[in-house]
PDB file of N, CA and C in Angstrom:
ATOM      1  N   MET A   1      79.132 126.124  93.206  1.00  0.00           N
ATOM      2  CA  MET A   1      78.599 124.857  93.689  1.00  0.00           C
ATOM      3  C   MET A   1      78.532 123.809  92.582  1.00  0.00           C
ATOM      4  N   GLY A   2      78.552 124.249  91.312  1.00  0.00           N
ATOM      5  CA  GLY A   2      78.467 123.301  90.211  1.00  0.00           C
ATOM      6  C   GLY A   2      79.585 122.283  90.233  1.00  0.00           C
ATOM      7  N   VAL A   3      80.780 122.729  90.567  1.00  0.00           N
ATOM      8  CA  VAL A   3      81.921 121.815  90.595  1.00  0.00           C
ATOM      9  C   VAL A   3      81.753 120.794  91.726  1.00  0.00           C
ATOM     10  N   LEU A   4      81.086 121.175  92.797  1.00  0.00           N
ATOM     11  CA  LEU A   4      80.806 120.243  93.886  1.00  0.00           C
ATOM     12  C   LEU A   4      79.898 119.116  93.394  1.00  0.00           C
ATOM     13  N   TYR A   5      78.840 119.491  92.664  1.00  0.00           N
ATOM     14  CA  TYR A   5      77.918 118.482  92.150  1.00  0.00           C
ATOM     15  C   TYR A   5      78.558 117.626  91.066  1.00  0.00           C
ATOM     16  N   LEU A   6      79.425 118.217  90.266  1.00  0.00           N
ATOM     17  CA  LEU A   6      80.169 117.438  89.274  1.00  0.00           C
ATOM     18  C   LEU A   6      81.033 116.396  89.983  1.00  0.00           C
ATOM     19  N   GLY A   7      81.757 116.830  91.007  1.00  0.00           N
ATOM     20  CA  GLY A   7      82.596 115.905  91.764  1.00  0.00           C
ATOM     21  C   GLY A   7      81.787 114.790  92.399  1.00  0.00           C
ATOM     22  N   LEU A   8      80.664 115.152  92.993  1.00  0.00           N
ATOM     23  CA  LEU A   8      79.798 114.154  93.619  1.00  0.00           C
ATOM     24  C   LEU A   8      79.254 113.180  92.578  1.00  0.00           C
ATOM     25  N   GLY A   9      78.832 113.707  91.438  1.00  0.00           N
ATOM     26  CA  GLY A   9      78.307 112.837  90.385  1.00  0.00           C
ATOM     27  C   GLY A   9      79.347 111.851  89.870  1.00  0.00           C
ATOM     28  N   LEU A  10      80.556 112.335  89.650  1.00  0.00           N
ATOM     29  CA  LEU A  10      81.627 111.445  89.191  1.00  0.00           C
ATOM     30  C   LEU A  10      81.989 110.423  90.263  1.00  0.00           C
ATOM     31  N   TYR A  11      81.982 110.862  91.521  1.00  0.00           N
ATOM     32  CA  TYR A  11      82.281 109.943  92.620  1.00  0.00           C
ATOM     33  C   TYR A  11      81.230 108.839  92.673  1.00  0.00           C
ATOM     34  N   ALA A  12      79.952 109.231  92.560  1.00  0.00           N
ATOM     35  CA  ALA A  12      78.868 108.244  92.586  1.00  0.00           C
ATOM     36  C   ALA A  12      78.982 107.280  91.405  1.00  0.00           C
ATOM     37  N   LEU A  13      79.288 107.810  90.229  1.00  0.00           N
ATOM     38  CA  LEU A  13      79.483 106.954  89.056  1.00  0.00           C
ATOM     39  C   LEU A  13      80.613 105.962  89.292  1.00  0.00           C
ATOM     40  N   ASN A  14      81.703 106.427  89.873  1.00  0.00           N
ATOM     41  CA  ASN A  14      82.842 105.552  90.153  1.00  0.00           C
ATOM     42  C   ASN A  14      82.465 104.478  91.175  1.00  0.00           C
ATOM     43  N   LEU A  15      81.631 104.843  92.155  1.00  0.00           N
ATOM     44  CA  LEU A  15      81.155 103.839  93.111  1.00  0.00           C
ATOM     45  C   LEU A  15      80.344 102.754  92.401  1.00  0.00           C
ATOM     46  N   LEU A  16      79.473 103.165  91.480  1.00  0.00           N
ATOM     47  CA  LEU A  16      78.674 102.192  90.738  1.00  0.00           C
ATOM     48  C   LEU A  16      79.561 101.288  89.879  1.00  0.00           C
ATOM     49  N   VAL A  17      80.572 101.865  89.262  1.00  0.00           N
ATOM     50  CA  VAL A  17      81.523 101.063  88.474  1.00  0.00           C
ATOM     51  C   VAL A  17      82.251 100.082  89.397  1.00  0.00           C
ATOM     52  N   GLY A  18      82.614 100.544  90.592  1.00  0.00           N
ATOM     53  CA  GLY A  18      83.272  99.660  91.557  1.00  0.00           C
ATOM     54  C   GLY A  18      82.385  98.509  91.994  1.00  0.00           C
ATOM     55  N   VAL A  19      81.111  98.797  92.234  1.00  0.00           N
ATOM     56  CA  VAL A  19      80.168  97.731  92.601  1.00  0.00           C
ATOM     57  C   VAL A  19      80.040  96.741  91.442  1.00  0.00           C
ATOM     58  N   ALA A  20      79.931  97.256  90.232  1.00  0.00           N
ATOM     59  CA  ALA A  20      79.836  96.371  89.068  1.00  0.00           C
ATOM     60  C   ALA A  20      81.111  95.530  88.930  1.00  0.00           C
ATOM     61  N   ALA A  21      82.264  96.112  89.211  1.00  0.00           N
ATOM     62  CA  ALA A  21      83.520  95.368  89.154  1.00  0.00           C
ATOM     63  C   ALA A  21      83.539  94.262  90.208  1.00  0.00           C
ATOM     64  N   GLN A  22      82.993  94.553  91.393  1.00  0.00           N
ATOM     65  CA  GLN A  22      82.915  93.529  92.435  1.00  0.00           C
ATOM     66  C   GLN A  22      82.029  92.359  91.994  1.00  0.00           C
ATOM     67  N   MET A  23      81.076  92.661  91.122  1.00  0.00           N
ATOM     68  CA  MET A  23      80.158  91.627  90.638  1.00  0.00           C
ATOM     69  C   MET A  23      80.710  90.885  89.426  1.00  0.00           C
ATOM     70  N   GLY A  24      81.924  91.204  89.024  1.00  0.00           N
ATOM     71  CA  GLY A  24      82.579  90.454  87.964  1.00  0.00           C
ATOM     72  C   GLY A  24      82.733  91.170  86.643  1.00  0.00           C
ATOM     73  N   HIS A  25      82.165  92.347  86.488  1.00  0.00           N
ATOM     74  CA  HIS A  25      82.343  93.102  85.240  1.00  0.00           C
ATOM     75  C   HIS A  25      83.755  93.677  85.193  1.00  0.00           C
ATOM     76  N   ARG A  26      84.324  93.732  84.012  1.00  0.00           N
ATOM     77  CA  ARG A  26      85.691  94.242  83.852  1.00  0.00           C
ATOM     78  C   ARG A  26      85.644  95.559  83.086  1.00  0.00           C
ATOM     79  N   PHE A  27      86.329  96.557  83.606  1.00  0.00           N
ATOM     80  CA  PHE A  27      86.338  97.875  82.984  1.00  0.00           C
ATOM     81  C   PHE A  27      87.725  98.283  82.514  1.00  0.00           C
ATOM     82  N   GLY A  28      88.729  97.528  82.883  1.00  0.00           N
ATOM     83  CA  GLY A  28      90.086  97.806  82.439  1.00  0.00           C
ATOM     84  C   GLY A  28      90.528  99.224  82.766  1.00  0.00           C
ATOM     85  N   ILE A  29      91.120  99.877  81.799  1.00  0.00           N
ATOM     86  CA  ILE A  29      91.677 101.211  82.005  1.00  0.00           C
ATOM     87  C   ILE A  29      90.588 102.258  82.241  1.00  0.00           C
ATOM     88  N   GLY A  30      89.375 101.995  81.792  1.00  0.00           N
ATOM     89  CA  GLY A  30      88.278 102.946  81.970  1.00  0.00           C
ATOM     90  C   GLY A  30      88.036 103.306  83.426  1.00  0.00           C
ATOM     91  N   HIS A  31      88.147 102.324  84.302  1.00  0.00           N
ATOM     92  CA  HIS A  31      87.959 102.575  85.733  1.00  0.00           C
ATOM     93  C   HIS A  31      89.064 103.498  86.253  1.00  0.00           C
ATOM     94  N   HIS A  32      90.255 103.342  85.752  1.00  0.00           N
ATOM     95  CA  HIS A  32      91.381 104.179  86.186  1.00  0.00           C
ATOM     96  C   HIS A  32      91.254 105.600  85.651  1.00  0.00           C
ATOM     97  N   VAL A  33      90.787 105.730  84.427  1.00  0.00           N
ATOM     98  CA  VAL A  33      90.566 107.061  83.856  1.00  0.00           C
ATOM     99  C   VAL A  33      89.465 107.780  84.633  1.00  0.00           C
ATOM    100  N   LEU A  34      88.400 107.061  84.964  1.00  0.00           N
ATOM    101  CA  LEU A  34      87.322 107.640  85.759  1.00  0.00           C
ATOM    102  C   LEU A  34      87.836 108.033  87.134  1.00  0.00           C
ATOM    103  N   TYR A  35      88.674 107.200  87.753  1.00  0.00           N
ATOM    104  CA  TYR A  35      89.257 107.517  89.055  1.00  0.00           C
ATOM    105  C   TYR A  35      90.061 108.823  88.987  1.00  0.00           C
ATOM    106  N   ALA A  36      90.818 109.004  87.930  1.00  0.00           N
ATOM    107  CA  ALA A  36      91.593 110.243  87.774  1.00  0.00           C
ATOM    108  C   ALA A  36      90.658 111.444  87.676  1.00  0.00           C
ATOM    109  N   ALA A  37      89.563 111.305  86.931  1.00  0.00           N
ATOM    110  CA  ALA A  37      88.582 112.395  86.823  1.00  0.00           C
ATOM    111  C   ALA A  37      87.925 112.672  88.170  1.00  0.00           C
ATOM    112  N   VAL A  38      87.660 111.622  88.929  1.00  0.00           N
ATOM    113  CA  VAL A  38      87.074 111.778  90.270  1.00  0.00           C
ATOM    114  C   VAL A  38      88.046 112.539  91.168  1.00  0.00           C
ATOM    115  N   PHE A  39      89.308 112.164  91.130  1.00  0.00           N
ATOM    116  CA  PHE A  39      90.316 112.818  91.966  1.00  0.00           C
ATOM    117  C   PHE A  39      90.440 114.298  91.591  1.00  0.00           C
ATOM    118  N   LEU A  40      90.513 114.579  90.294  1.00  0.00           N
ATOM    119  CA  LEU A  40      90.641 115.971  89.851  1.00  0.00           C
ATOM    120  C   LEU A  40      89.412 116.799  90.209  1.00  0.00           C
ATOM    121  N   SER A  41      88.232 116.223  90.036  1.00  0.00           N
ATOM    122  CA  SER A  41      87.014 116.972  90.361  1.00  0.00           C
ATOM    123  C   SER A  41      86.869 117.170  91.863  1.00  0.00           C
ATOM    124  N   ALA A  42      87.319 116.220  92.663  1.00  0.00           N
ATOM    125  CA  ALA A  42      87.287 116.399  94.125  1.00  0.00           C
ATOM    126  C   ALA A  42      88.251 117.510  94.539  1.00  0.00           C
ATOM    127  N   GLY A  43      89.416 117.549  93.905  1.00  0.00           N
ATOM    128  CA  GLY A  43      90.358 118.632  94.184  1.00  0.00           C
ATOM    129  C   GLY A  43      89.790 119.986  93.787  1.00  0.00           C
ATOM    130  N   ALA A  44      89.132 120.035  92.632  1.00  0.00           N
ATOM    131  CA  ALA A  44      88.511 121.283  92.184  1.00  0.00           C
ATOM    132  C   ALA A  44      87.392 121.699  93.132  1.00  0.00           C
ATOM    133  N   ALA A  45      86.592 120.740  93.584  1.00  0.00           N
ATOM    134  CA  ALA A  45      85.518 121.048  94.535  1.00  0.00           C
ATOM    135  C   ALA A  45      86.092 121.582  95.837  1.00  0.00           C
ATOM    136  N   CYS A  46      87.213 121.025  96.255  1.00  0.00           N
ATOM    137  CA  CYS A  46      87.851 121.480  97.496  1.00  0.00           C
ATOM    138  C   CYS A  46      88.351 122.917  97.353  1.00  0.00           C
ATOM    139  N   VAL A  47      88.792 123.283  96.176  1.00  0.00           N
ATOM    140  CA  VAL A  47      89.287 124.638  95.946  1.00  0.00           C
ATOM    141  C   VAL A  47      88.138 125.629  95.790  1.00  0.00           C
ATOM    142  N   TRP A  48      87.149 125.287  94.968  1.00  0.00           N
ATOM    143  CA  TRP A  48      86.095 126.251  94.638  1.00  0.00           C
ATOM    144  C   TRP A  48      84.897 126.234  95.578  1.00  0.00           C
ATOM    145  N   ALA A  49      84.695 125.150  96.309  1.00  0.00           N
ATOM    146  CA  ALA A  49      83.575 125.068  97.246  1.00  0.00           C
ATOM    147  C   ALA A  49      84.103 124.507  98.556  1.00  0.00           C
ATOM    148  N   PHE A  50      85.160 125.129  99.087  1.00  0.00           N
ATOM    149  CA  PHE A  50      85.880 124.531 100.208  1.00  0.00           C
ATOM    150  C   PHE A  50      84.971 124.224 101.385  1.00  0.00           C
ATOM    151  N   HIS A  51      85.155 123.032 101.886  1.00  0.00           N
ATOM    152  CA  HIS A  51      84.559 122.571 103.134  1.00  0.00           C
ATOM    153  C   HIS A  51      85.548 121.560 103.704  1.00  0.00           C
ATOM    154  N   PRO A  52      85.823 121.611 105.010  1.00  0.00           N
ATOM    155  CA  PRO A  52      86.805 120.685 105.584  1.00  0.00           C
ATOM    156  C   PRO A  52      86.494 119.209 105.323  1.00  0.00           C
ATOM    157  N   ALA A  53      85.227 118.859 105.197  1.00  0.00           N
ATOM    158  CA  ALA A  53      84.865 117.458 104.953  1.00  0.00           C
ATOM    159  C   ALA A  53      85.399 116.963 103.612  1.00  0.00           C
ATOM    160  N   LEU A  54      85.584 117.867 102.664  1.00  0.00           N
ATOM    161  CA  LEU A  54      86.127 117.452 101.369  1.00  0.00           C
ATOM    162  C   LEU A  54      87.576 116.995 101.492  1.00  0.00           C
ATOM    163  N   LEU A  55      88.250 117.426 102.538  1.00  0.00           N
ATOM    164  CA  LEU A  55      89.618 116.948 102.767  1.00  0.00           C
ATOM    165  C   LEU A  55      89.615 115.451 103.061  1.00  0.00           C
ATOM    166  N   VAL A  56      88.567 114.980 103.734  1.00  0.00           N
ATOM    167  CA  VAL A  56      88.423 113.542 103.983  1.00  0.00           C
ATOM    168  C   VAL A  56      88.346 112.799 102.655  1.00  0.00           C
ATOM    169  N   THR A  57      87.533 113.327 101.749  1.00  0.00           N
ATOM    170  CA  THR A  57      87.389 112.705 100.439  1.00  0.00           C
ATOM    171  C   THR A  57      88.728 112.669  99.700  1.00  0.00           C
ATOM    172  N   LEU A  58      89.459 113.769  99.743  1.00  0.00           N
ATOM    173  CA  LEU A  58      90.758 113.809  99.051  1.00  0.00           C
ATOM    174  C   LEU A  58      91.761 112.833  99.663  1.00  0.00           C
ATOM    175  N   VAL A  59      91.785 112.744 100.989  1.00  0.00           N
ATOM    176  CA  VAL A  59      92.705 111.801 101.641  1.00  0.00           C
ATOM    177  C   VAL A  59      92.354 110.371 101.263  1.00  0.00           C
ATOM    178  N   VAL A  60      91.071 110.060 101.280  1.00  0.00           N
ATOM    179  CA  VAL A  60      90.648 108.707 100.896  1.00  0.00           C
ATOM    180  C   VAL A  60      91.034 108.407  99.457  1.00  0.00           C
ATOM    181  N   LEU A  61      90.818 109.357  98.562  1.00  0.00           N
ATOM    182  CA  LEU A  61      91.189 109.139  97.166  1.00  0.00           C
ATOM    183  C   LEU A  61      92.695 108.948  97.006  1.00  0.00           C
ATOM    184  N   ALA A  62      93.470 109.625  97.844  1.00  0.00           N
ATOM    185  CA  ALA A  62      94.926 109.470  97.780  1.00  0.00           C
ATOM    186  C   ALA A  62      95.367 108.105  98.300  1.00  0.00           C
ATOM    187  N   VAL A  63      94.646 107.582  99.272  1.00  0.00           N
ATOM    188  CA  VAL A  63      95.011 106.299  99.890  1.00  0.00           C
ATOM    189  C   VAL A  63      94.436 105.113  99.101  1.00  0.00           C
ATOM    190  N   MET A  64      93.370 105.350  98.371  1.00  0.00           N
ATOM    191  CA  MET A  64      92.665 104.262  97.681  1.00  0.00           C
ATOM    192  C   MET A  64      93.571 103.344  96.858  1.00  0.00           C
ATOM    193  N   PRO A  65      94.559 103.851  96.123  1.00  0.00           N
ATOM    194  CA  PRO A  65      95.413 102.928  95.347  1.00  0.00           C
ATOM    195  C   PRO A  65      96.220 101.964  96.228  1.00  0.00           C
ATOM    196  N   LYS A  66      96.359 102.275  97.499  1.00  0.00           N
ATOM    197  CA  LYS A  66      97.102 101.387  98.398  1.00  0.00           C
ATOM    198  C   LYS A  66      96.252 100.223  98.886  1.00  0.00           C
ATOM    199  N   THR A  67      94.931 100.314  98.712  1.00  0.00           N
ATOM    200  CA  THR A  67      94.048  99.233  99.142  1.00  0.00           C
ATOM    201  C   THR A  67      93.867  98.257  98.000  1.00  0.00           C
ATOM    202  N   ARG A  68      93.603  97.005  98.337  1.00  0.00           N
ATOM    203  CA  ARG A  68      93.497  95.966  97.322  1.00  0.00           C
ATOM    204  C   ARG A  68      92.043  95.826  96.859  1.00  0.00           C
ATOM    205  N   PRO A  69      91.790  96.011  95.573  1.00  0.00           N
ATOM    206  CA  PRO A  69      90.434  95.779  95.076  1.00  0.00           C
ATOM    207  C   PRO A  69      90.001  94.342  95.389  1.00  0.00           C
ATOM    208  N   GLY A  70      88.790  94.192  95.847  1.00  0.00           N
ATOM    209  CA  GLY A  70      88.306  92.869  96.245  1.00  0.00           C
ATOM    210  C   GLY A  70      88.482  92.613  97.724  1.00  0.00           C
ATOM    211  N   GLY A  71      89.381  93.366  98.367  1.00  0.00           N
ATOM    212  CA  GLY A  71      89.558  93.252  99.807  1.00  0.00           C
ATOM    213  C   GLY A  71      88.548  94.126 100.532  1.00  0.00           C
ATOM    214  N   PRO A  72      88.459  93.995 101.846  1.00  0.00           N
ATOM    215  CA  PRO A  72      87.451  94.745 102.598  1.00  0.00           C
ATOM    216  C   PRO A  72      87.731  96.244 102.684  1.00  0.00           C
ATOM    217  N   TRP A  73      88.989  96.652 102.608  1.00  0.00           N
ATOM    218  CA  TRP A  73      89.318  98.069 102.786  1.00  0.00           C
ATOM    219  C   TRP A  73      88.953  98.930 101.594  1.00  0.00           C
ATOM    220  N   HIS A  74      88.980  98.362 100.419  1.00  0.00           N
ATOM    221  CA  HIS A  74      88.721  99.137  99.203  1.00  0.00           C
ATOM    222  C   HIS A  74      87.296  99.712  99.188  1.00  0.00           C
ATOM    223  N   PRO A  75      86.267  98.886  99.355  1.00  0.00           N
ATOM    224  CA  PRO A  75      84.912  99.461  99.386  1.00  0.00           C
ATOM    225  C   PRO A  75      84.650 100.299 100.628  1.00  0.00           C
ATOM    226  N   LEU A  76      85.237  99.939 101.748  1.00  0.00           N
ATOM    227  CA  LEU A  76      85.054 100.727 102.968  1.00  0.00           C
ATOM    228  C   LEU A  76      85.617 102.133 102.788  1.00  0.00           C
ATOM    229  N   MET A  77      86.804 102.227 102.203  1.00  0.00           N
ATOM    230  CA  MET A  77      87.403 103.534 101.963  1.00  0.00           C
ATOM    231  C   MET A  77      86.563 104.345 100.974  1.00  0.00           C
ATOM    232  N   ALA A  78      85.981 103.678  99.985  1.00  0.00           N
ATOM    233  CA  ALA A  78      85.144 104.376  99.011  1.00  0.00           C
ATOM    234  C   ALA A  78      83.934 105.015  99.687  1.00  0.00           C
ATOM    235  N   VAL A  79      83.330 104.307 100.620  1.00  0.00           N
ATOM    236  CA  VAL A  79      82.176 104.843 101.338  1.00  0.00           C
ATOM    237  C   VAL A  79      82.600 105.976 102.277  1.00  0.00           C
ATOM    238  N   VAL A  80      83.735 105.839 102.918  1.00  0.00           N
ATOM    239  CA  VAL A  80      84.243 106.917 103.780  1.00  0.00           C
ATOM    240  C   VAL A  80      84.496 108.168 102.947  1.00  0.00           C
ATOM    241  N   GLY A  81      85.045 108.006 101.754  1.00  0.00           N
ATOM    242  CA  GLY A  81      85.266 109.143 100.872  1.00  0.00           C
ATOM    243  C   GLY A  81      83.972 109.817 100.469  1.00  0.00           C
ATOM    244  N   LEU A  82      82.947 109.035 100.224  1.00  0.00           N
ATOM    245  CA  LEU A  82      81.638 109.586  99.889  1.00  0.00           C
ATOM    246  C   LEU A  82      81.088 110.410 101.049  1.00  0.00           C
ATOM    247  N   SER A  83      81.413 110.025 102.271  1.00  0.00           N
ATOM    248  CA  SER A  83      80.894 110.748 103.436  1.00  0.00           C
ATOM    249  C   SER A  83      81.329 112.212 103.434  1.00  0.00           C
ATOM    250  N   GLY A  84      82.469 112.534 102.857  1.00  0.00           N
ATOM    251  CA  GLY A  84      82.893 113.927 102.763  1.00  0.00           C
ATOM    252  C   GLY A  84      81.892 114.751 101.976  1.00  0.00           C
ATOM    253  N   TYR A  85      81.466 114.221 100.837  1.00  0.00           N
ATOM    254  CA  TYR A  85      80.462 114.912 100.034  1.00  0.00           C
ATOM    255  C   TYR A  85      79.116 114.992 100.777  1.00  0.00           C
ATOM    256  N   VAL A  86      78.747 113.911 101.439  1.00  0.00           N
ATOM    257  CA  VAL A  86      77.469 113.890 102.164  1.00  0.00           C
ATOM    258  C   VAL A  86      77.450 114.959 103.246  1.00  0.00           C
ATOM    259  N   VAL A  87      78.534 115.074 103.990  1.00  0.00           N
ATOM    260  CA  VAL A  87      78.621 116.097 105.045  1.00  0.00           C
ATOM    261  C   VAL A  87      78.476 117.493 104.441  1.00  0.00           C
ATOM    262  N   VAL A  88      79.123 117.744 103.327  1.00  0.00           N
ATOM    263  CA  VAL A  88      79.019 119.054 102.685  1.00  0.00           C
ATOM    264  C   VAL A  88      77.568 119.350 102.291  1.00  0.00           C
ATOM    265  N   LEU A  89      76.908 118.364 101.702  1.00  0.00           N
ATOM    266  CA  LEU A  89      75.519 118.569 101.284  1.00  0.00           C
ATOM    267  C   LEU A  89      74.600 118.782 102.482  1.00  0.00           C
ATOM    268  N   LEU A  90      74.818 118.056 103.558  1.00  0.00           N
ATOM    269  CA  LEU A  90      73.986 118.216 104.753  1.00  0.00           C
ATOM    270  C   LEU A  90      74.262 119.542 105.452  1.00  0.00           C
ATOM    271  N   ASP A  91      75.456 120.054 105.295  1.00  0.00           N
ATOM    272  CA  ASP A  91      75.855 121.299 105.971  1.00  0.00           C
ATOM    273  C   ASP A  91      75.427 122.551 105.193  1.00  0.00           C
ATOM    274  N   SER A  92      75.031 122.373 103.935  1.00  0.00           N
ATOM    275  CA  SER A  92      74.700 123.556 103.144  1.00  0.00           C
ATOM    276  C   SER A  92      73.202 123.851 103.144  1.00  0.00           C
TER     277      SER A  92
END
């Protein structure tokens, strides 16, 4: 379960960075490096603590680069991805 909480923590951190970016803060490559860590930890959580809801999170993370930051789909997809983790926590 530790990898699940690591993935959730990194996802939450990335959401906070995204909110800060929406407010005008610039993170440059750091946001992309964090995104890669979020993707890898979500994949690890899916392998070691499998729950079908985590597949939602992985699909959202895969689609996220196709959405435009600053547009309405980018934050909406981020929240949908978080819902995968929330479902897992509520189900356990």
